[in-house]
Amino acid sequence: MALLFSDEEVQQAWTELDEPQLDGGWEFFTETMNVKIYRLYNKETGLYEYKVFGSLTGCAPDLCADVYMDLNYRKQWDSYVKELHEKDYGGQKAIYWEVKYPLPLSNRDYVYVRERRDLDVGGRKICVVLAKSSSVSQCPEKKGVIRVKDYKQSLAMESDGSGGTKVFMNYFDNPGGMIPAWLVNWAAKVSAVDVCCNQ
């Protein structure tokens, strides 16, 4: 199977476990449940990109990674999922995810590729998961649903030495459409916390 992400992208994710890269306009946003969230404003979109650093107590990294990769389990805890599955689209495996939005807003859907790599870095067991939007022509857009074409996420996890997981996540999502930027930014923050804390 061809690798979807470069070794450099993988390394960039896990090195932030050691040294958070917060130069260039990143600002502290909020802290909750041993997790700190920073954000970076994008002038072109009016939206924020997020970085999340923290520790998940009482959950080992292998279990966290398995839960994160489990699409069926996500359908159980995430009430905003309307449809979520992985499928082969003409030789390209991709994930299709439709997210319920409250009326009068249209639902959004994503087609994205994802890759997990389990690494041994000088004796450290580190799991990295990368995801990004993919333009799979065999998955046409649905009427009344807006396709999200600008989505990326990177996640790195390792043991915190106390039975928990040290975690780093970088997240950006531009849902498009006519949604006020403040609402999009709020939803992105909630999503980042959900992914890290509600596993």
Protein backbone atom coordinates (compact mmCIF):
# COMPACT_ATOMS: atom_id res chain seq x y z
CA MET A 1 0.00 0.00 0.00
CA ALA A 2 1.38 3.42 -0.95
CA LEU A 3 2.03 5.81 1.90
CA LEU A 4 -0.32 8.79 1.89
CA PHE A 5 1.87 11.09 3.97
CA SER A 6 5.58 11.81 3.90
CA ASP A 7 8.04 10.85 6.63
CA GLU A 8 8.55 14.58 7.16
CA GLU A 9 4.83 15.11 7.89
CA VAL A 10 4.89 12.23 10.37
CA GLN A 11 7.98 13.57 12.11
CA GLN A 12 6.55 17.06 12.25
CA ALA A 13 3.57 15.69 14.19
CA TRP A 14 5.45 13.67 16.82
CA THR A 15 8.19 16.24 17.46
CA GLU A 16 5.53 18.58 18.87
CA LEU A 17 5.10 16.13 21.74
CA ASP A 18 8.55 17.34 22.86
CA GLU A 19 8.64 20.90 21.58
CA PRO A 20 5.38 22.67 20.80
CA GLN A 21 5.84 24.94 17.76
CA LEU A 22 3.91 28.06 18.71
CA ASP A 23 5.83 30.81 16.91
CA GLY A 24 4.25 32.79 14.10
CA GLY A 25 1.08 34.05 15.77
CA TRP A 26 -0.19 31.10 17.81
CA GLU A 27 -2.07 32.29 20.91
CA PHE A 28 -3.26 30.47 24.03
CA PHE A 29 -7.01 29.91 23.77
CA THR A 30 -8.31 27.72 26.59
CA GLU A 31 -7.51 24.89 28.96
CA THR A 32 -9.73 22.03 30.09
CA MET A 33 -9.20 18.56 31.58
CA ASN A 34 -5.35 18.68 31.40
CA VAL A 35 -5.54 19.84 27.78
CA LYS A 36 -4.31 23.24 26.51
CA ILE A 37 -5.61 24.61 23.21
CA TYR A 38 -3.80 27.21 21.10
CA ARG A 39 -5.10 28.83 17.94
CA LEU A 40 -3.76 30.62 14.88
CA TYR A 41 -5.90 33.11 12.95
CA ASN A 42 -6.09 32.76 9.17
CA LYS A 43 -6.77 36.16 7.58
CA GLU A 44 -7.95 34.66 4.28
CA THR A 45 -10.72 32.54 5.79
CA GLY A 46 -11.38 34.35 9.08
CA LEU A 47 -11.06 30.93 10.74
CA TYR A 48 -8.66 29.47 13.28
CA GLU A 49 -6.34 26.51 13.12
CA TYR A 50 -5.92 24.71 16.46
CA LYS A 51 -3.15 22.93 18.32
CA VAL A 52 -3.98 20.80 21.33
CA PHE A 53 -1.44 19.62 23.92
CA GLY A 54 -2.17 17.58 26.99
CA SER A 55 -2.47 14.30 28.82
CA LEU A 56 -5.31 11.80 28.93
CA THR A 57 -5.18 10.09 32.30
CA GLY A 58 -6.05 6.45 32.77
CA CYS A 59 -5.95 5.55 29.08
CA ALA A 60 -2.91 3.87 27.50
CA PRO A 61 -1.68 5.15 24.10
CA ASP A 62 -2.43 1.90 22.25
CA LEU A 63 -6.02 1.97 23.46
CA CYS A 64 -6.40 5.68 22.64
CA ALA A 65 -5.10 5.08 19.12
CA ASP A 66 -7.37 2.07 18.57
CA VAL A 67 -10.42 4.01 19.77
CA TYR A 68 -9.51 7.00 17.61
CA MET A 69 -9.26 4.79 14.52
CA ASP A 70 -12.53 2.94 15.25
CA LEU A 71 -15.17 4.54 13.02
CA ASN A 72 -17.97 2.29 14.32
CA TYR A 73 -17.31 3.38 17.89
CA ARG A 74 -17.32 7.03 16.85
CA LYS A 75 -20.89 6.55 15.60
CA GLN A 76 -21.85 5.52 19.15
CA TRP A 77 -20.46 8.52 21.03
CA ASP A 78 -20.68 11.30 18.41
CA SER A 79 -24.32 12.34 18.02
CA TYR A 80 -23.43 14.59 15.06
CA VAL A 81 -22.50 11.67 12.80
CA LYS A 82 -25.11 11.00 10.13
CA GLU A 83 -22.97 8.67 8.01
CA LEU A 84 -19.41 7.43 8.49
CA HIS A 85 -17.56 4.63 6.73
CA GLU A 86 -14.35 3.72 4.94
CA LYS A 87 -14.65 2.56 1.35
CA ASP A 88 -12.54 1.77 -1.69
CA TYR A 89 -13.19 4.42 -4.33
CA GLY A 90 -11.64 3.07 -7.53
CA GLY A 91 -8.43 1.89 -5.88
CA GLN A 92 -8.21 4.76 -3.36
CA LYS A 93 -9.36 3.98 0.18
CA ALA A 94 -11.05 6.97 1.73
CA ILE A 95 -13.39 7.80 4.58
CA TYR A 96 -16.79 9.36 3.96
CA TRP A 97 -18.22 11.34 6.88
CA GLU A 98 -21.47 13.31 6.91
CA VAL A 99 -21.97 15.62 9.87
CA LYS A 100 -25.40 16.76 11.05
CA TYR A 101 -25.77 20.55 11.32
CA PRO A 102 -28.72 22.22 13.07
CA LEU A 103 -31.45 23.75 10.92
CA PRO A 104 -31.44 25.98 8.95
CA LEU A 105 -27.81 25.05 8.13
CA SER A 106 -26.98 22.37 5.57
CA ASN A 107 -25.16 19.23 6.67
CA ARG A 108 -21.46 18.97 5.76
CA ASP A 109 -19.63 15.97 4.41
CA TYR A 110 -15.98 15.06 4.19
CA VAL A 111 -14.04 12.68 2.00
CA TYR A 112 -10.61 12.20 3.48
CA VAL A 113 -7.67 9.86 3.63
CA ARG A 114 -6.09 8.77 6.89
CA GLU A 115 -2.93 6.95 7.84
CA ARG A 116 -1.67 5.56 11.15
CA ARG A 117 1.98 4.87 11.82
CA ASP A 118 3.31 3.20 14.96
CA LEU A 119 6.90 4.32 15.48
CA ASP A 120 9.88 3.38 17.60
CA VAL A 121 11.84 6.58 18.15
CA GLY A 122 14.90 5.82 20.27
CA GLY A 123 12.92 3.32 22.34
CA ARG A 124 9.85 5.55 22.58
CA LYS A 125 6.61 4.05 21.23
CA ILE A 126 4.82 6.84 19.39
CA CYS A 127 1.61 6.59 17.38
CA VAL A 128 0.94 9.18 14.68
CA VAL A 129 -2.33 9.54 12.78
CA LEU A 130 -2.59 11.97 9.86
CA ALA A 131 -5.70 12.89 7.88
CA LYS A 132 -6.51 15.31 5.05
CA SER A 133 -9.24 16.07 2.55
CA SER A 134 -9.20 14.01 -0.64
CA SER A 135 -10.87 14.71 -3.96
CA VAL A 136 -12.19 11.26 -4.81
CA SER A 137 -14.19 11.64 -8.01
CA GLN A 138 -16.07 8.36 -7.38
CA CYS A 139 -17.74 9.95 -4.36
CA PRO A 140 -19.97 12.67 -5.81
CA GLU A 141 -21.39 15.48 -3.74
CA LYS A 142 -24.93 15.06 -2.42
CA LYS A 143 -27.71 17.53 -3.08
CA GLY A 144 -28.31 19.71 -0.03
CA VAL A 145 -25.01 18.73 1.63
CA ILE A 146 -21.93 20.96 1.46
CA ARG A 147 -18.63 19.17 0.78
CA VAL A 148 -15.78 20.26 3.08
CA LYS A 149 -12.72 20.51 0.87
CA ASP A 150 -10.21 21.98 3.31
CA TYR A 151 -9.68 19.67 6.29
CA LYS A 152 -6.50 18.46 7.93
CA GLN A 153 -5.60 16.83 11.19
CA SER A 154 -2.49 15.37 12.75
CA LEU A 155 -2.34 13.48 16.01
CA ALA A 156 0.60 12.10 17.97
CA MET A 157 0.39 9.99 21.14
CA GLU A 158 2.80 8.29 23.52
CA SER A 159 2.82 7.09 27.11
CA ASP A 160 2.98 9.82 29.74
CA GLY A 161 4.83 7.41 32.05
CA SER A 162 1.89 7.19 34.48
CA GLY A 163 -0.55 4.90 32.70
CA GLY A 164 -1.97 7.71 30.58
CA THR A 165 -1.31 9.24 27.18
CA LYS A 166 0.60 12.36 26.23
CA VAL A 167 -1.10 13.83 23.17
CA PHE A 168 -0.60 16.48 20.49
CA MET A 169 -3.18 17.38 17.85
CA ASN A 170 -3.21 19.95 15.04
CA TYR A 171 -6.62 20.62 13.46
CA PHE A 172 -8.08 22.82 10.72
CA ASP A 173 -11.48 22.66 9.10
CA ASN A 174 -13.18 25.09 6.70
CA PRO A 175 -16.82 24.03 6.41
CA GLY A 176 -17.63 26.53 3.65
CA GLY A 177 -21.07 27.98 3.07
CA MET A 178 -22.54 31.05 4.71
CA ILE A 179 -21.81 30.29 8.37
CA PRO A 180 -20.57 33.12 10.58
CA ALA A 181 -16.85 32.70 11.36
CA TRP A 182 -17.50 32.92 15.13
CA LEU A 183 -19.81 29.88 14.92
CA VAL A 184 -17.33 27.88 12.84
CA ASN A 185 -14.53 28.69 15.29
CA TRP A 186 -16.67 27.65 18.26
CA ALA A 187 -17.59 24.35 16.60
CA ALA A 188 -13.94 23.64 15.72
CA LYS A 189 -12.88 24.23 19.32
CA VAL A 190 -15.61 21.92 20.61
CA SER A 191 -14.62 19.30 18.03
CA ALA A 192 -10.96 19.43 19.07
CA VAL A 193 -11.85 18.96 22.74
CA ASP A 194 -14.33 16.16 21.90
CA VAL A 195 -11.78 14.19 19.91
CA CYS A 196 -9.15 14.46 22.65
CA CYS A 197 -11.29 14.14 25.76
CA ASN A 198 -14.34 12.01 24.92
CA GLN A 199 -12.64 8.81 23.88
